[in-house]
Each structure stands twice: as C-alpha cells, then as structure tokens.
Amino acid sequence: MSKQVMRSGTSIGANISESDNAQSTPDYVNKLSIALKEAGETHYWFDLLNRTDYISTTEFESLEKDVSELIAMLTALIKKHKTNIKQ
C-alpha cells in the first residue's frame, strides 16, 4: 500500500508541474484533472492505511486534511479555467 501512496502522491506533483508547461488552456486543465484524480486515489490509500492500522488516526487526520485542501485547490483551479474556456 505504501508503494501505491508513493506512486499516486508523487504523480500529483508531477502533473501539476507538467501543467506549468501546458500547450493550451485545455491541456492545462487536463493535467490538473489528472492531478485531481491522483489526489483522490491518494486519499483512498490514506484511508485504507488508517483502516488497516498501518497509520494512526492522528496521522490519517493530518494527511487527510492536507490532501483534502489540495483537492479543493485543484477543483477550484479546474472550474476557473473551464469557465474561461467557455467564455
């Protein structure tokens, strides 16, 4: 499970970094959307690690707070840029 967290967690940053060099606004949104999916997967793995007692509830709550904030930021950015594409 920890390897899955590492893969999905590092993929978030990689896709956000890739979005900096997007060729267009739709490409930018696509990269951020992939990062958002990976953040959701990372949240899933954190939850599973907590439920199987690999991490404590305190550790989970801290990690969950961080990934939830990241999900909220990515969601806001995606919505903003999708609105800009439509206009």
N, C-alpha and C. Protein backbone atom coordinates (compact mmCIF):
# COMPACT_ATOMS: atom_id res chain seq x y z
N MET A 1 0.82 -1.19 0.00
CA MET A 1 0.00 0.00 0.00
C MET A 1 0.86 1.26 0.00
N SER A 2 1.96 1.21 0.72
CA SER A 2 2.80 2.41 0.79
C SER A 2 3.37 2.74 -0.59
N LYS A 3 3.64 1.72 -1.39
CA LYS A 3 4.13 1.98 -2.75
C LYS A 3 3.05 2.64 -3.60
N GLN A 4 1.81 2.26 -3.38
CA GLN A 4 0.70 2.88 -4.11
C GLN A 4 0.57 4.35 -3.73
N VAL A 5 0.71 4.64 -2.44
CA VAL A 5 0.66 6.03 -1.96
C VAL A 5 1.78 6.82 -2.60
N MET A 6 2.96 6.23 -2.66
CA MET A 6 4.10 6.93 -3.25
C MET A 6 3.85 7.23 -4.73
N ARG A 7 3.31 6.25 -5.45
CA ARG A 7 3.04 6.46 -6.88
C ARG A 7 1.99 7.54 -7.10
N SER A 8 0.86 7.40 -6.43
CA SER A 8 -0.22 8.37 -6.66
C SER A 8 0.14 9.74 -6.08
N GLY A 9 0.79 9.75 -4.93
CA GLY A 9 1.17 11.01 -4.30
C GLY A 9 2.18 11.80 -5.12
N THR A 10 3.18 11.12 -5.66
CA THR A 10 4.18 11.83 -6.47
C THR A 10 3.62 12.20 -7.84
N SER A 11 2.64 11.46 -8.30
CA SER A 11 2.00 11.79 -9.58
C SER A 11 1.26 13.12 -9.51
N ILE A 12 0.74 13.46 -8.34
CA ILE A 12 0.05 14.74 -8.17
C ILE A 12 1.02 15.87 -8.53
N GLY A 13 2.15 15.88 -7.88
CA GLY A 13 3.14 16.92 -8.12
C GLY A 13 3.66 16.93 -9.54
N ALA A 14 3.87 15.74 -10.10
CA ALA A 14 4.38 15.65 -11.47
C ALA A 14 3.40 16.27 -12.46
N ASN A 15 2.11 16.00 -12.28
CA ASN A 15 1.11 16.54 -13.19
C ASN A 15 0.91 18.04 -13.00
N ILE A 16 1.00 18.51 -11.77
CA ILE A 16 0.92 19.95 -11.54
C ILE A 16 2.13 20.63 -12.19
N SER A 17 3.28 20.03 -12.05
CA SER A 17 4.48 20.58 -12.68
C SER A 17 4.35 20.59 -14.21
N GLU A 18 3.82 19.51 -14.76
CA GLU A 18 3.58 19.45 -16.21
C GLU A 18 2.62 20.53 -16.67
N SER A 19 1.64 20.86 -15.84
CA SER A 19 0.65 21.87 -16.22
C SER A 19 1.30 23.24 -16.43
N ASP A 20 2.42 23.47 -15.77
CA ASP A 20 3.14 24.74 -15.96
C ASP A 20 3.60 24.94 -17.40
N ASN A 21 3.80 23.86 -18.10
CA ASN A 21 4.26 23.93 -19.49
C ASN A 21 3.19 23.46 -20.48
N ALA A 22 1.95 23.58 -20.09
CA ALA A 22 0.84 23.15 -20.96
C ALA A 22 0.85 23.96 -22.25
N GLN A 23 0.41 23.31 -23.32
CA GLN A 23 0.41 23.96 -24.63
C GLN A 23 -0.82 24.82 -24.86
N SER A 24 -1.84 24.62 -24.02
CA SER A 24 -3.08 25.38 -24.16
C SER A 24 -3.84 25.31 -22.85
N THR A 25 -4.89 26.11 -22.75
CA THR A 25 -5.71 26.07 -21.54
C THR A 25 -6.37 24.69 -21.37
N PRO A 26 -6.92 24.09 -22.44
CA PRO A 26 -7.48 22.75 -22.26
C PRO A 26 -6.42 21.72 -21.81
N ASP A 27 -5.20 21.86 -22.31
CA ASP A 27 -4.13 20.96 -21.89
C ASP A 27 -3.80 21.19 -20.41
N TYR A 28 -3.79 22.45 -19.99
CA TYR A 28 -3.56 22.82 -18.59
C TYR A 28 -4.62 22.17 -17.69
N VAL A 29 -5.89 22.31 -18.09
CA VAL A 29 -7.00 21.74 -17.33
C VAL A 29 -6.87 20.22 -17.28
N ASN A 30 -6.46 19.61 -18.38
CA ASN A 30 -6.30 18.16 -18.43
C ASN A 30 -5.25 17.69 -17.43
N LYS A 31 -4.11 18.38 -17.40
CA LYS A 31 -3.05 17.99 -16.47
C LYS A 31 -3.51 18.14 -15.01
N LEU A 32 -4.22 19.24 -14.73
CA LEU A 32 -4.73 19.43 -13.37
C LEU A 32 -5.79 18.39 -13.03
N SER A 33 -6.57 17.99 -14.02
CA SER A 33 -7.60 16.96 -13.79
C SER A 33 -6.96 15.62 -13.45
N ILE A 34 -5.86 15.32 -14.09
CA ILE A 34 -5.13 14.09 -13.77
C ILE A 34 -4.59 14.18 -12.35
N ALA A 35 -4.04 15.34 -11.98
CA ALA A 35 -3.54 15.54 -10.62
C ALA A 35 -4.67 15.36 -9.61
N LEU A 36 -5.86 15.87 -9.94
CA LEU A 36 -7.02 15.73 -9.05
C LEU A 36 -7.40 14.26 -8.87
N LYS A 37 -7.39 13.51 -9.95
CA LYS A 37 -7.69 12.07 -9.85
C LYS A 37 -6.68 11.37 -8.96
N GLU A 38 -5.42 11.72 -9.13
CA GLU A 38 -4.36 11.11 -8.31
C GLU A 38 -4.51 11.50 -6.84
N ALA A 39 -4.93 12.73 -6.59
CA ALA A 39 -5.16 13.16 -5.21
C ALA A 39 -6.30 12.35 -4.58
N GLY A 40 -7.34 12.10 -5.37
CA GLY A 40 -8.43 11.26 -4.89
C GLY A 40 -7.97 9.85 -4.58
N GLU A 41 -7.11 9.31 -5.44
CA GLU A 41 -6.57 7.97 -5.20
C GLU A 41 -5.69 7.96 -3.94
N THR A 42 -4.89 9.00 -3.79
CA THR A 42 -4.03 9.09 -2.61
C THR A 42 -4.87 9.13 -1.34
N HIS A 43 -5.97 9.87 -1.39
CA HIS A 43 -6.88 9.91 -0.24
C HIS A 43 -7.40 8.51 0.07
N TYR A 44 -7.76 7.78 -0.95
CA TYR A 44 -8.23 6.40 -0.77
C TYR A 44 -7.17 5.56 -0.05
N TRP A 45 -5.91 5.66 -0.50
CA TRP A 45 -4.86 4.86 0.12
C TRP A 45 -4.61 5.28 1.56
N PHE A 46 -4.68 6.60 1.85
CA PHE A 46 -4.54 7.05 3.23
C PHE A 46 -5.63 6.42 4.10
N ASP A 47 -6.86 6.43 3.61
CA ASP A 47 -7.98 5.86 4.34
C ASP A 47 -7.76 4.37 4.60
N LEU A 48 -7.31 3.68 3.57
CA LEU A 48 -7.07 2.24 3.71
C LEU A 48 -5.94 1.96 4.71
N LEU A 49 -4.88 2.76 4.64
CA LEU A 49 -3.79 2.59 5.60
C LEU A 49 -4.28 2.81 7.03
N ASN A 50 -5.17 3.77 7.21
CA ASN A 50 -5.73 4.02 8.54
C ASN A 50 -6.63 2.87 8.98
N ARG A 51 -7.49 2.41 8.11
CA ARG A 51 -8.43 1.34 8.47
C ARG A 51 -7.73 0.02 8.80
N THR A 52 -6.55 -0.17 8.23
CA THR A 52 -5.80 -1.40 8.49
C THR A 52 -4.72 -1.20 9.54
N ASP A 53 -4.78 -0.06 10.23
CA ASP A 53 -3.88 0.27 11.33
C ASP A 53 -2.40 0.38 10.95
N TYR A 54 -2.12 0.69 9.68
CA TYR A 54 -0.74 0.96 9.30
C TYR A 54 -0.33 2.37 9.71
N ILE A 55 -1.32 3.27 9.78
CA ILE A 55 -1.07 4.61 10.31
C ILE A 55 -2.12 4.90 11.38
N SER A 56 -1.77 5.77 12.29
CA SER A 56 -2.69 6.09 13.38
C SER A 56 -3.77 7.04 12.89
N THR A 57 -4.80 7.17 13.68
CA THR A 57 -5.89 8.10 13.36
C THR A 57 -5.36 9.53 13.31
N THR A 58 -4.46 9.85 14.21
CA THR A 58 -3.86 11.19 14.22
C THR A 58 -3.10 11.46 12.93
N GLU A 59 -2.29 10.49 12.49
CA GLU A 59 -1.55 10.64 11.23
C GLU A 59 -2.53 10.76 10.06
N PHE A 60 -3.54 9.91 10.06
CA PHE A 60 -4.53 9.95 8.99
C PHE A 60 -5.22 11.31 8.93
N GLU A 61 -5.64 11.82 10.07
CA GLU A 61 -6.35 13.10 10.08
C GLU A 61 -5.48 14.23 9.52
N SER A 62 -4.20 14.20 9.83
CA SER A 62 -3.29 15.21 9.31
C SER A 62 -3.14 15.07 7.79
N LEU A 63 -2.93 13.84 7.34
CA LEU A 63 -2.78 13.58 5.90
C LEU A 63 -4.07 13.89 5.15
N GLU A 64 -5.19 13.52 5.75
CA GLU A 64 -6.49 13.76 5.12
C GLU A 64 -6.75 15.26 4.96
N LYS A 65 -6.39 16.02 5.98
CA LYS A 65 -6.56 17.47 5.90
C LYS A 65 -5.75 18.04 4.75
N ASP A 66 -4.51 17.61 4.63
CA ASP A 66 -3.64 18.11 3.56
C ASP A 66 -4.16 17.74 2.18
N VAL A 67 -4.53 16.48 1.99
CA VAL A 67 -4.98 16.06 0.67
C VAL A 67 -6.34 16.66 0.34
N SER A 68 -7.18 16.86 1.34
CA SER A 68 -8.48 17.49 1.10
C SER A 68 -8.30 18.95 0.66
N GLU A 69 -7.35 19.66 1.27
CA GLU A 69 -7.06 21.03 0.86
C GLU A 69 -6.53 21.06 -0.57
N LEU A 70 -5.68 20.12 -0.89
CA LEU A 70 -5.14 20.03 -2.25
C LEU A 70 -6.25 19.74 -3.26
N ILE A 71 -7.15 18.85 -2.92
CA ILE A 71 -8.28 18.53 -3.78
C ILE A 71 -9.15 19.77 -4.00
N ALA A 72 -9.39 20.52 -2.93
CA ALA A 72 -10.20 21.74 -3.04
C ALA A 72 -9.52 22.77 -3.95
N MET A 73 -8.20 22.94 -3.80
CA MET A 73 -7.48 23.91 -4.63
C MET A 73 -7.50 23.49 -6.11
N LEU A 74 -7.25 22.22 -6.36
CA LEU A 74 -7.25 21.72 -7.74
C LEU A 74 -8.64 21.87 -8.36
N THR A 75 -9.67 21.54 -7.59
CA THR A 75 -11.05 21.66 -8.07
C THR A 75 -11.36 23.11 -8.44
N ALA A 76 -10.96 24.04 -7.59
CA ALA A 76 -11.21 25.47 -7.86
C ALA A 76 -10.47 25.93 -9.11
N LEU A 77 -9.22 25.52 -9.26
CA LEU A 77 -8.45 25.91 -10.45
C LEU A 77 -9.08 25.35 -11.73
N ILE A 78 -9.48 24.10 -11.67
CA ILE A 78 -10.09 23.46 -12.84
C ILE A 78 -11.39 24.17 -13.22
N LYS A 79 -12.23 24.43 -12.25
CA LYS A 79 -13.51 25.12 -12.51
C LYS A 79 -13.26 26.50 -13.11
N LYS A 80 -12.31 27.24 -12.53
CA LYS A 80 -12.00 28.58 -13.03
C LYS A 80 -11.57 28.54 -14.49
N HIS A 81 -10.68 27.63 -14.82
CA HIS A 81 -10.16 27.59 -16.18
C HIS A 81 -11.16 26.99 -17.16
N LYS A 82 -12.02 26.09 -16.71
CA LYS A 82 -13.08 25.59 -17.58
C LYS A 82 -14.06 26.71 -17.93
N THR A 83 -14.34 27.56 -16.94
CA THR A 83 -15.22 28.72 -17.19
C THR A 83 -14.57 29.65 -18.21
N ASN A 84 -13.27 29.87 -18.08
CA ASN A 84 -12.55 30.73 -19.02
C ASN A 84 -12.56 30.15 -20.43
N ILE A 85 -12.50 28.84 -20.55
CA ILE A 85 -12.53 28.20 -21.87
C ILE A 85 -13.87 28.44 -22.54
N LYS A 86 -14.96 28.37 -21.76
CA LYS A 86 -16.30 28.53 -22.31
C LYS A 86 -16.57 29.96 -22.77
N GLN A 87 -15.87 30.93 -22.16
CA GLN A 87 -16.13 32.34 -22.48
C GLN A 87 -15.40 32.76 -23.70
